[in-house]
Protein backbone atom coordinates (compact mmCIF):
# COMPACT_ATOMS: atom_id res chain seq x y z
CA UNK A 1 119.75 142.42 -82.03
CA UNK A 2 122.81 143.31 -79.96
CA UNK A 3 121.65 141.06 -77.12
CA UNK A 4 121.28 138.14 -79.54
CA UNK A 5 124.86 138.68 -80.81
CA UNK A 6 126.20 138.90 -77.25
CA UNK A 7 124.36 135.70 -76.36
CA UNK A 8 125.88 133.93 -79.41
CA UNK A 9 129.38 135.10 -78.42
CA UNK A 10 128.82 133.83 -74.87
CA UNK A 11 127.67 130.42 -76.15
CA UNK A 12 130.66 130.26 -78.50
CA UNK A 13 133.11 131.04 -75.66
CA UNK A 14 131.49 128.41 -73.42
CA UNK A 15 131.74 125.85 -76.22
CA UNK A 16 135.37 126.76 -76.87
CA UNK A 17 136.16 126.46 -73.15
CA UNK A 18 134.58 123.00 -73.03
CA UNK A 19 136.73 121.98 -75.98
CA UNK A 20 139.88 123.19 -74.22
CA UNK A 21 138.90 121.25 -71.08
CA UNK A 22 138.35 118.05 -73.10
CA UNK A 23 141.65 118.53 -74.89
CA UNK A 24 143.49 118.87 -71.61
CA UNK A 25 141.81 115.78 -70.24
CA UNK A 26 142.64 113.61 -73.26
CA UNK A 27 146.12 115.04 -73.93
CA UNK A 28 145.18 116.21 -77.43
CA UNK A 29 146.22 119.44 -79.21
CA UNK A 30 143.85 122.23 -78.32
CA UNK A 31 143.50 123.52 -81.89
CA UNK A 32 142.82 120.08 -83.30
CA UNK A 33 140.22 119.36 -80.64
CA UNK A 34 138.45 122.69 -81.33
CA UNK A 35 138.46 121.95 -85.04
CA UNK A 36 137.09 118.50 -84.33
CA UNK A 37 134.35 119.95 -82.10
CA UNK A 38 133.31 122.38 -84.81
CA UNK A 39 133.36 119.79 -87.54
CA UNK A 40 131.71 117.04 -85.55
CA UNK A 41 128.34 118.78 -85.73
CA UNK A 42 128.49 118.78 -89.53
CA UNK A 43 129.58 115.15 -89.69
CA UNK A 44 126.64 114.16 -87.52
CA UNK A 45 124.43 115.89 -90.08
CA UNK A 46 126.27 114.15 -92.95
CA UNK A 47 127.59 117.41 -94.41
CA UNK A 48 130.97 118.74 -95.44
CA UNK A 49 131.87 121.77 -93.26
CA UNK A 50 132.94 123.73 -96.36
CA UNK A 51 129.91 122.78 -98.40
CA UNK A 52 126.20 122.41 -97.95
CA UNK A 53 126.25 119.13 -99.92
CA UNK A 54 126.08 115.82 -97.98
CA UNK A 55 129.52 114.31 -97.31
CA UNK A 56 129.15 110.53 -97.25
CA UNK A 57 132.92 109.92 -97.35
CA UNK A 58 133.68 111.93 -94.24
CA UNK A 59 133.54 109.00 -91.82
CA UNK A 60 136.52 106.69 -91.81
CA UNK A 61 137.18 103.16 -90.57
CA UNK A 62 137.49 102.48 -86.84
CA UNK A 63 135.63 105.69 -85.95
CA UNK A 64 138.52 107.89 -87.15
CA UNK A 65 138.34 110.87 -89.47
CA UNK A 66 141.12 112.95 -90.97
CA UNK A 67 141.69 116.67 -90.47
CA UNK A 68 143.74 118.60 -93.02
CA UNK A 69 146.39 120.95 -91.71
CA UNK A 70 148.71 123.36 -93.54
CA UNK A 71 151.11 121.85 -96.12
CA UNK A 72 148.72 118.89 -96.55
CA UNK A 73 149.94 117.25 -93.32
CA UNK A 74 147.20 115.08 -91.86
CA UNK A 75 146.62 113.69 -88.40
CA UNK A 76 144.08 111.22 -87.07
CA UNK A 77 142.04 111.79 -83.97
CA UNK A 78 139.40 109.66 -82.30
CA UNK A 79 135.87 111.00 -82.12
CA UNK A 80 135.08 113.09 -79.10
CA UNK A 81 132.51 110.68 -77.80
CA UNK A 82 133.83 107.87 -75.60
CA UNK A 83 132.33 104.42 -75.93
CA UNK A 84 129.95 103.32 -73.22
CA UNK A 85 130.33 99.58 -72.67
CA UNK A 86 127.82 97.50 -70.78
CA UNK A 87 129.52 94.22 -69.95
CA UNK A 88 127.70 91.11 -68.87
CA UNK A 89 130.22 88.59 -70.09
CA UNK A 90 132.72 86.31 -68.41
CA UNK A 91 134.84 89.21 -67.12
CA UNK A 92 132.16 90.30 -64.65
CA UNK A 93 129.19 92.63 -64.83
CA UNK A 94 130.13 96.29 -64.98
CA UNK A 95 129.52 99.45 -66.94
CA UNK A 96 132.58 101.47 -67.86
CA UNK A 97 133.71 104.19 -70.22
CA UNK A 98 136.83 103.12 -72.14
CA UNK A 99 138.75 105.75 -74.16
CA UNK A 100 139.61 104.54 -77.65
CA UNK A 101 143.24 103.54 -78.16
CA UNK A 102 143.89 102.47 -74.56
CA UNK A 103 146.04 99.36 -74.07
CA UNK A 104 143.35 96.75 -73.59
CA UNK A 105 143.67 92.97 -73.38
CA UNK A 106 141.49 89.92 -73.13
CA UNK A 107 142.75 86.71 -71.49
CA UNK A 108 141.15 83.45 -70.41
CA UNK A 109 140.84 82.77 -66.70
CA UNK A 110 143.25 79.84 -67.24
CA UNK A 111 146.03 82.44 -67.40
CA UNK A 112 145.87 84.37 -64.10
CA UNK A 113 149.58 85.14 -64.31
CA UNK A 114 149.11 86.79 -67.69
CA UNK A 115 146.24 88.88 -66.34
CA UNK A 116 148.10 90.04 -63.23
CA UNK A 117 151.31 90.77 -65.16
CA UNK A 118 149.53 92.84 -67.79
CA UNK A 119 147.68 94.82 -65.14
CA UNK A 120 150.97 95.55 -63.40
CA UNK A 121 152.20 96.93 -66.75
CA UNK A 122 149.26 99.35 -66.89
CA UNK A 123 147.04 97.34 -69.21
CA UNK A 124 143.29 97.04 -68.66
CA UNK A 125 141.03 94.07 -69.19
CA UNK A 126 138.80 94.48 -72.19
CA UNK A 127 135.08 94.15 -71.69
CA UNK A 128 133.35 91.30 -73.50
CA UNK A 129 131.24 93.46 -75.81
CA UNK A 130 134.24 95.60 -76.66
CA UNK A 131 136.72 92.79 -77.42
CA UNK A 132 137.32 94.00 -80.98
CA UNK A 133 139.19 96.97 -79.47
CA UNK A 134 141.63 94.69 -77.62
CA UNK A 135 145.29 95.13 -78.46
CA UNK A 136 146.37 91.77 -76.96
CA UNK A 137 144.43 88.50 -76.95
CA UNK A 138 145.68 85.58 -74.83
CA UNK A 139 143.13 82.78 -75.28
CA UNK A 140 143.13 78.97 -75.21
CA UNK A 141 140.97 78.65 -78.32
CA UNK A 142 143.47 78.29 -81.20
CA UNK A 143 141.08 79.70 -83.81
CA UNK A 144 142.32 83.00 -85.26
CA UNK A 145 139.95 85.79 -86.31
CA UNK A 146 139.47 86.23 -90.05
CA UNK A 147 141.41 89.48 -89.96
CA UNK A 148 143.97 90.86 -87.51
CA UNK A 149 144.21 94.61 -87.09
CA UNK A 150 147.69 96.15 -87.51
CA UNK A 151 148.06 96.95 -83.81
CA UNK A 152 146.70 93.65 -82.46
CA UNK A 153 148.76 90.82 -80.94
CA UNK A 154 147.24 87.33 -80.78
CA UNK A 155 148.63 84.26 -79.02
CA UNK A 156 148.09 81.74 -81.81
CA UNK A 157 149.72 81.03 -85.15
CA UNK A 158 147.60 80.05 -88.11
CA UNK A 159 147.91 76.32 -88.93
CA UNK A 160 150.19 75.60 -85.99
CA UNK A 161 148.27 72.31 -85.84
CA UNK A 162 150.72 71.12 -88.51
CA UNK A 163 153.03 70.28 -85.60
CA UNK A 164 150.59 70.08 -82.68
CA UNK A 165 148.12 67.41 -83.83
CA UNK A 166 149.26 63.80 -83.81
CA UNK A 167 148.19 63.05 -87.37
CA UNK A 168 149.74 66.15 -88.94
CA UNK A 169 153.06 66.05 -87.09
CA UNK A 170 153.39 62.39 -88.07
CA UNK A 171 152.64 63.21 -91.69
CA UNK A 172 155.08 66.15 -91.80
CA UNK A 173 157.96 64.46 -90.00
CA UNK A 174 157.71 61.32 -92.15
CA UNK A 175 158.52 63.57 -95.13
CA UNK A 176 161.47 65.06 -93.24
CA UNK A 177 164.20 62.36 -93.39
CA UNK A 178 166.27 63.73 -90.51
CA UNK A 179 163.32 63.13 -88.15
CA UNK A 180 164.05 59.38 -88.13
CA UNK A 181 166.86 60.23 -85.73
CA UNK A 182 164.52 61.76 -83.12
CA UNK A 183 160.89 60.73 -83.79
CA UNK A 184 159.89 57.06 -83.27
CA UNK A 185 158.46 55.57 -86.44
CA UNK A 186 154.76 56.25 -86.77
CA UNK A 187 151.92 55.40 -89.12
CA UNK A 188 148.47 56.84 -89.78
CA UNK A 189 145.36 54.69 -90.11
CA UNK A 190 142.21 56.49 -91.19
CA UNK A 191 139.41 56.24 -93.77
CA UNK A 192 141.86 57.94 -96.18
CA UNK A 193 145.06 56.15 -95.07
CA UNK A 194 145.58 52.45 -95.67
CA UNK A 195 146.96 50.22 -92.92
CA UNK A 196 149.24 48.37 -95.37
CA UNK A 197 152.39 50.35 -94.57
CA UNK A 198 151.90 49.83 -90.85
CA UNK A 199 151.22 46.09 -91.28
CA UNK A 200 154.53 45.67 -93.11
CA UNK A 201 156.36 47.62 -90.39
CA UNK A 202 154.72 45.54 -87.65
CA UNK A 203 155.79 42.26 -89.27
CA UNK A 204 159.31 43.55 -89.88
CA UNK A 205 159.72 44.66 -86.25
CA UNK A 206 158.22 41.37 -85.05
CA UNK A 207 160.83 39.48 -87.05
CA UNK A 208 163.61 41.63 -85.61
CA UNK A 209 162.31 40.97 -82.08
CA UNK A 210 162.38 37.22 -82.70
CA UNK A 211 166.00 37.37 -83.86
CA UNK A 212 166.93 39.33 -80.73
CA UNK A 213 165.16 36.78 -78.54
CA UNK A 214 166.90 33.92 -80.36
CA UNK A 215 170.26 35.52 -79.68
CA UNK A 216 169.42 35.83 -75.97
CA UNK A 217 168.03 32.30 -75.64
CA UNK A 218 167.47 29.92 -78.56
CA UNK A 219 164.79 28.00 -76.68
CA UNK A 220 162.47 31.05 -76.74
CA UNK A 221 161.96 30.76 -80.52
CA UNK A 222 160.49 27.95 -82.61
CA UNK A 223 162.27 26.79 -85.74
CA UNK A 224 159.43 27.90 -88.04
CA UNK A 225 159.26 31.36 -86.45
CA UNK A 226 163.00 31.71 -86.85
CA UNK A 227 162.96 30.82 -90.57
CA UNK A 228 160.00 33.13 -91.20
CA UNK A 229 161.70 35.99 -89.36
CA UNK A 230 165.01 35.47 -91.14
CA UNK A 231 163.28 35.72 -94.52
CA UNK A 232 161.47 38.93 -93.54
CA UNK A 233 164.73 40.53 -92.40
CA UNK A 234 166.48 39.17 -95.48
CA UNK A 235 164.08 41.12 -97.68
CA UNK A 236 164.79 44.25 -95.67
CA UNK A 237 168.56 43.98 -96.06
CA UNK A 238 168.34 42.49 -99.59
CA UNK A 239 170.03 39.17 -98.94
CA UNK A 240 169.25 35.82 -100.60
CA UNK A 241 166.24 33.84 -99.25
CA UNK A 242 166.89 31.61 -96.25
CA UNK A 243 166.26 27.88 -96.68
CA UNK A 244 165.46 25.27 -94.05
CA UNK A 245 168.21 22.83 -93.16
CA UNK A 246 171.00 25.32 -92.53
CA UNK A 247 173.08 23.89 -89.70
CA UNK A 248 174.33 27.10 -88.12
CA UNK A 249 171.59 29.70 -87.67
CA UNK A 250 173.56 31.47 -84.94
CA UNK A 251 176.05 33.11 -87.29
CA UNK A 252 173.24 34.07 -89.67
CA UNK A 253 171.25 35.73 -86.89
CA UNK A 254 174.40 37.43 -85.63
CA UNK A 255 175.19 38.84 -89.08
CA UNK A 256 171.65 40.07 -89.66
CA UNK A 257 171.52 41.80 -86.29
CA UNK A 258 174.85 43.51 -86.95
CA UNK A 259 173.35 45.03 -90.09
CA UNK A 260 170.20 46.08 -88.21
CA UNK A 261 172.24 47.72 -85.45
CA UNK A 262 173.07 50.53 -87.87
CA UNK A 263 169.41 51.54 -87.82
CA UNK A 264 169.02 54.64 -85.62
CA UNK A 265 165.90 53.21 -83.97
CA UNK A 266 167.27 49.71 -83.43
CA UNK A 267 167.66 50.00 -79.65
CA UNK A 268 164.31 51.63 -78.85
CA UNK A 269 162.46 48.81 -80.66
CA UNK A 270 163.43 46.24 -78.02
CA UNK A 271 162.19 42.64 -78.13
CA UNK A 272 158.44 42.85 -77.39
CA UNK A 273 157.21 44.75 -80.46
CA UNK A 274 154.94 47.04 -78.43
CA UNK A 275 153.07 49.83 -80.21
CA UNK A 276 151.29 52.81 -78.70
CA UNK A 277 148.00 53.72 -80.39
CA UNK A 278 146.76 57.32 -80.14
CA UNK A 279 143.63 59.05 -81.45
CA UNK A 280 144.62 61.47 -84.19
CA UNK A 281 143.03 64.61 -82.78
CA UNK A 282 142.76 64.20 -79.01
CA UNK A 283 145.03 65.22 -76.14
CA UNK A 284 145.69 64.62 -72.43
CA UNK A 285 146.11 60.86 -72.86
CA UNK A 286 142.52 60.19 -73.89
CA UNK A 287 141.87 56.80 -75.59
CA UNK A 288 145.56 55.86 -75.75
CA UNK A 289 146.29 52.12 -75.69
CA UNK A 290 149.34 49.83 -75.88
CA UNK A 291 149.28 46.63 -77.97
CA UNK A 292 151.50 43.76 -79.10
CA UNK A 293 148.90 42.11 -81.30
CA UNK A 294 148.39 43.20 -84.91
CA UNK A 295 144.80 41.95 -84.90
CA UNK A 296 143.96 43.96 -81.76
CA UNK A 297 145.46 47.12 -83.23
CA UNK A 298 143.50 46.80 -86.48
CA UNK A 299 140.28 46.15 -84.57
CA UNK A 300 140.79 49.15 -82.26
CA UNK A 301 141.57 51.52 -85.12
CA UNK A 302 138.89 50.49 -87.62
CA UNK A 303 137.02 53.79 -87.17
CA UNK A 304 138.25 57.42 -87.21
CA UNK A 305 141.87 58.59 -87.53
CA UNK A 306 144.68 57.04 -85.50
CA UNK A 307 148.42 57.35 -85.10
CA UNK A 308 150.31 54.15 -84.34
CA UNK A 309 153.81 54.76 -83.04
CA UNK A 310 156.57 52.44 -81.96
CA UNK A 311 156.74 52.35 -78.18
CA UNK A 312 160.19 53.17 -76.77
CA UNK A 313 161.14 49.91 -75.03
CA UNK A 314 164.37 51.15 -73.46
CA UNK A 315 163.38 54.34 -71.59
CA UNK A 316 165.68 55.86 -69.01
CA UNK A 317 164.24 54.95 -65.61
CA UNK A 318 164.61 57.06 -62.45
CA UNK A 319 164.06 55.29 -59.13
CA UNK A 320 161.98 52.62 -60.94
CA UNK A 321 159.68 55.14 -62.66
CA UNK A 322 159.27 56.18 -66.25
CA UNK A 323 159.22 59.92 -67.04
CA UNK A 324 159.03 62.47 -69.81
CA UNK A 325 160.18 66.10 -70.09
CA UNK A 326 157.91 69.09 -70.76
CA UNK A 327 159.81 71.82 -72.60
CA UNK A 328 158.30 75.23 -73.43
CA UNK A 329 159.01 76.81 -76.81
CA UNK A 330 157.79 80.22 -77.98
CA UNK A 331 157.34 80.83 -81.72
CA UNK A 332 156.79 84.46 -82.73
CA UNK A 333 156.04 86.35 -85.91
CA UNK A 334 156.76 90.06 -85.57
CA UNK A 335 159.59 91.35 -87.76
CA UNK A 336 160.74 87.75 -88.35
CA UNK A 337 159.60 84.20 -87.71
CA UNK A 338 161.61 83.35 -84.57
CA UNK A 339 161.92 80.50 -82.08
CA UNK A 340 162.64 80.98 -78.37
CA UNK A 341 163.61 78.10 -76.08
CA UNK A 342 162.81 78.31 -72.36
CA UNK A 343 165.81 77.45 -70.21
CA UNK A 344 163.75 75.87 -67.43
CA UNK A 345 161.75 72.66 -67.92
CA UNK A 346 160.45 69.85 -65.76
CA UNK A 347 160.05 66.08 -65.57
CA UNK A 348 156.71 64.26 -65.18
CA UNK A 349 156.70 60.76 -63.66
CA UNK A 350 154.29 57.89 -64.14
CA UNK A 351 152.15 56.93 -61.14
CA UNK A 352 153.35 53.30 -60.98
CA UNK A 353 156.74 51.61 -61.18
CA UNK A 354 157.90 50.70 -64.66
CA UNK A 355 157.08 47.16 -65.83
CA UNK A 356 157.18 46.35 -69.54
CA UNK A 357 155.25 43.11 -69.04
CA UNK A 358 152.14 45.05 -67.93
CA UNK A 359 151.13 46.91 -71.05
CA UNK A 360 147.46 47.26 -70.09
CA UNK A 361 148.15 49.44 -67.06
CA UNK A 362 148.41 52.99 -68.37
CA UNK A 363 149.49 54.33 -64.97
CA UNK A 364 152.81 52.57 -65.66
CA UNK A 365 153.38 53.88 -69.17
CA UNK A 366 151.74 57.32 -69.40
CA UNK A 367 153.26 60.29 -67.63
CA UNK A 368 150.53 62.85 -68.38
CA UNK A 369 149.52 64.55 -65.15
CA UNK A 370 145.93 64.48 -66.42
CA UNK A 371 146.12 60.64 -66.34
CA UNK A 372 148.49 59.98 -63.43
CA UNK A 373 146.51 62.06 -60.92
CA UNK A 374 143.66 59.51 -60.94
CA UNK A 375 145.90 56.68 -59.75
CA UNK A 376 145.54 55.77 -56.04
CA UNK A 377 149.36 55.68 -55.94
CA UNK A 378 149.72 59.21 -57.29
CA UNK A 379 151.77 61.56 -55.12
CA UNK A 380 151.47 65.20 -56.11
CA UNK A 381 154.78 66.35 -54.65
CA UNK A 382 156.70 63.36 -56.05
CA UNK A 383 155.17 63.36 -59.53
CA UNK A 384 157.52 66.01 -60.95
CA UNK A 385 161.13 67.12 -60.89
CA UNK A 386 162.66 70.47 -61.72
CA UNK A 387 165.29 70.18 -64.44
CA UNK A 388 167.97 71.06 -61.88
CA UNK A 389 167.11 67.90 -59.91
CA UNK A 390 167.46 65.81 -63.06
CA UNK A 391 170.77 67.44 -63.93
CA UNK A 392 172.10 66.67 -60.46
CA UNK A 393 170.86 63.07 -60.65
CA UNK A 394 172.68 62.57 -63.95
CA UNK A 395 175.90 63.97 -62.50
CA UNK A 396 175.69 61.68 -59.47
CA UNK A 397 175.01 58.59 -61.60
CA UNK A 398 177.53 59.27 -64.37
CA UNK A 399 180.08 61.69 -62.94
CA UNK A 400 179.39 64.01 -65.84
CA UNK A 401 176.99 66.81 -66.77
CA UNK A 402 175.21 64.80 -69.46
CA UNK A 403 172.26 67.18 -69.62
CA UNK A 404 174.23 70.26 -70.67
CA UNK A 405 176.83 68.43 -72.74
CA UNK A 406 174.69 65.92 -74.63
CA UNK A 407 170.93 65.92 -74.07
CA UNK A 408 170.16 69.66 -74.15
CA UNK A 409 171.90 70.43 -77.49
CA UNK A 410 169.99 67.55 -79.11
CA UNK A 411 166.69 68.75 -77.66
CA UNK A 412 167.27 72.21 -79.15
CA UNK A 413 168.04 70.73 -82.57
CA UNK A 414 164.88 68.62 -82.40
CA UNK A 415 162.81 71.73 -81.67
CA UNK A 416 164.29 73.58 -84.65
CA UNK A 417 163.86 70.66 -87.04
CA UNK A 418 160.30 69.99 -85.92
CA UNK A 419 159.26 73.58 -86.66
CA UNK A 420 161.20 73.52 -89.94
CA UNK A 421 159.32 70.42 -91.07
CA UNK A 422 156.07 72.41 -91.20
CA UNK A 423 157.38 75.95 -91.65
CA UNK A 424 156.03 76.29 -95.20
CA UNK A 425 152.55 75.30 -94.04
CA UNK A 426 152.37 77.47 -90.93
CA UNK A 427 150.91 80.83 -91.91
CA UNK A 428 153.09 83.52 -90.35
CA UNK A 429 150.62 86.34 -89.81
CA UNK A 430 152.29 89.41 -88.38
CA UNK A 431 151.90 90.06 -84.62
CA UNK A 432 151.01 86.46 -83.78
CA UNK A 433 152.82 84.02 -81.50
CA UNK A 434 152.40 80.56 -79.99
CA UNK A 435 153.62 79.09 -76.72
CA UNK A 436 154.12 75.35 -77.27
CA UNK A 437 154.74 72.41 -74.96
CA UNK A 438 157.21 69.89 -76.44
CA UNK A 439 157.26 66.45 -74.78
CA UNK A 440 160.44 64.36 -74.84
CA UNK A 441 161.45 60.89 -73.69
CA UNK A 442 165.06 59.98 -72.87
CA UNK A 443 166.26 56.46 -73.68
CA UNK A 444 168.76 54.37 -71.72
CA UNK A 445 171.59 55.80 -73.83
CA UNK A 446 170.58 59.36 -72.81
CA UNK A 447 169.24 60.12 -76.27
CA UNK A 448 166.15 62.39 -76.45
CA UNK A 449 163.13 61.43 -78.54
CA UNK A 450 160.26 63.72 -79.46
CA UNK A 451 156.86 62.35 -78.41
CA UNK A 452 154.47 65.17 -79.31
CA UNK A 453 153.89 68.94 -79.39
CA UNK A 454 151.02 70.69 -77.59
CA UNK A 455 149.36 74.06 -78.17
CA UNK A 456 147.95 75.92 -75.16
CA UNK A 457 149.90 73.71 -72.72
CA UNK A 458 148.42 73.44 -69.23
CA UNK A 459 149.43 76.37 -67.02
CA UNK A 460 147.74 75.35 -63.78
CA UNK A 461 149.56 74.91 -60.48
CA UNK A 462 149.34 71.11 -60.45
CA UNK A 463 152.46 70.87 -58.25
CA UNK A 464 154.90 73.20 -56.53
CA UNK A 465 157.22 72.71 -59.51
CA UNK A 466 154.68 73.87 -62.08
CA UNK A 467 153.56 76.74 -59.86
CA UNK A 468 157.11 78.08 -59.69
CA UNK A 469 157.80 77.68 -63.41
CA UNK A 470 154.42 78.88 -64.71
CA UNK A 471 154.81 82.08 -62.68
CA UNK A 472 158.08 82.62 -64.56
CA UNK A 473 157.37 81.53 -68.12
CA UNK A 474 154.17 83.54 -68.67
CA UNK A 475 155.62 86.93 -67.59
CA UNK A 476 158.73 86.10 -69.64
CA UNK A 477 156.50 85.39 -72.64
CA UNK A 478 155.08 88.90 -72.29
CA UNK A 479 158.63 90.28 -72.19
CA UNK A 480 159.30 88.74 -75.59
CA UNK A 481 156.08 89.78 -77.31
CA UNK A 482 155.69 93.24 -75.78
CA UNK A 483 159.26 94.40 -75.13
CA UNK A 484 161.70 92.46 -77.29
CA UNK A 485 159.47 92.56 -80.39
CA UNK A 486 160.04 96.32 -80.63
CA UNK A 487 163.42 96.57 -78.85
CA UNK A 488 166.01 93.82 -79.55
CA UNK A 489 168.02 94.94 -76.51
CA UNK A 490 165.12 94.28 -74.10
CA UNK A 491 165.23 91.40 -71.63
CA UNK A 492 163.60 88.12 -72.66
CA UNK A 493 163.75 86.62 -69.18
CA UNK A 494 164.35 82.88 -69.14
CA UNK A 495 164.05 82.47 -72.90
CA UNK A 496 166.92 81.84 -75.29
CA UNK A 497 166.58 82.65 -78.98
CA UNK A 498 167.28 79.60 -81.11
CA UNK A 499 166.96 81.25 -84.50
CA UNK A 500 167.20 84.68 -86.03
CA UNK A 501 164.77 83.72 -88.75
CA UNK A 502 163.53 80.54 -90.39
């Protein structure tokens, strides 16, 4: 009998020693770990340690259970057993034991700078079969999980497509009157949206173009076209109908055009009445066309959803090439809904010299790198400019820092107003964020115009310019979401906060 008791004491001491060793290894309180070790056996058997009755409420969510301490103070500890993960997913084939609660992340291979930066911060890549444990998710797929755990951070905002899809941004900005000052007029044609509004706008702009051409050279316009155009414009500005036989049309045209000049989009409309037609839910320049004919537009858009937008006919041209500006904007939802503007941006040039008479050649009119790179005239190193090059070019041409004094403040206001236009629709789930790519055109008067907004903007090293900037903006994004979100004094790198809260 004595030998049995001694053997039991020996086993108990060995078990207690193992518990102390585990506690040391996992940095947990020794007493709590011993208690957990003792209780774990009963939980495995489905019993309450203080009762012989089954305890079906003992197990808690996320593999946690609570241990009561004196004065009813409770702490939570993970189960003793680690999780064995066999991974055969896209992150490589390996078997690894991952302690619960470790800082784990999952990121698409499209973001190598995110992966390397997180690893340098002490984070570990999450295995495919264990992705529910991930603290941070940085993925291209904009779909959010049904539920987000309190400690998770995810790189997408719910319903951000309200500003990032062509149809929805058009719909939202049309209801936001101030947008007429920065977003070229646009119309939606779809099975649910009639083309009538666009047809009226097309005819009105055509009439305006004819009056402009008449002013330049009367011989370019027939008498019937002139009368028809004058009557269309007359209805717009609510004047009396125009009758044939008036001797002096010049003063009438002049007066009408003076009224039209007050329109904020008068100059970008030009004289050719060109419209750019875009598929409602595609990106990277796919299926985009330019037209001057109403019949051709209606034929091209008879199926699916389309956005028809007035083409900017007076773009600022640099060394004979058209360009746009890619601007990064970070929208976060932690303690507040906040907007951060990246101080560095870049210009993207078309592959061919600008020529408004050649509307069928997309290499002239589209600046998307995904389109331009297929042109035989495409030059990788000459297809982009850093914003500093553009700033210097403006100074040399105009003897003034137009970028900082005029263009940049307007760009920032456009960003704020664009987000505001859909703020009530965007679902601000806590611990979510979105890195957006805003695309701007600059007209010949140095006025910026918003073209579109992109989610999951391309972060590949397409040129030396993008390589340099991508390697900056992604680590700086992590500074905002990991450091600044919990410490307002932390560095946010190249970002500038545009709003405290919207």
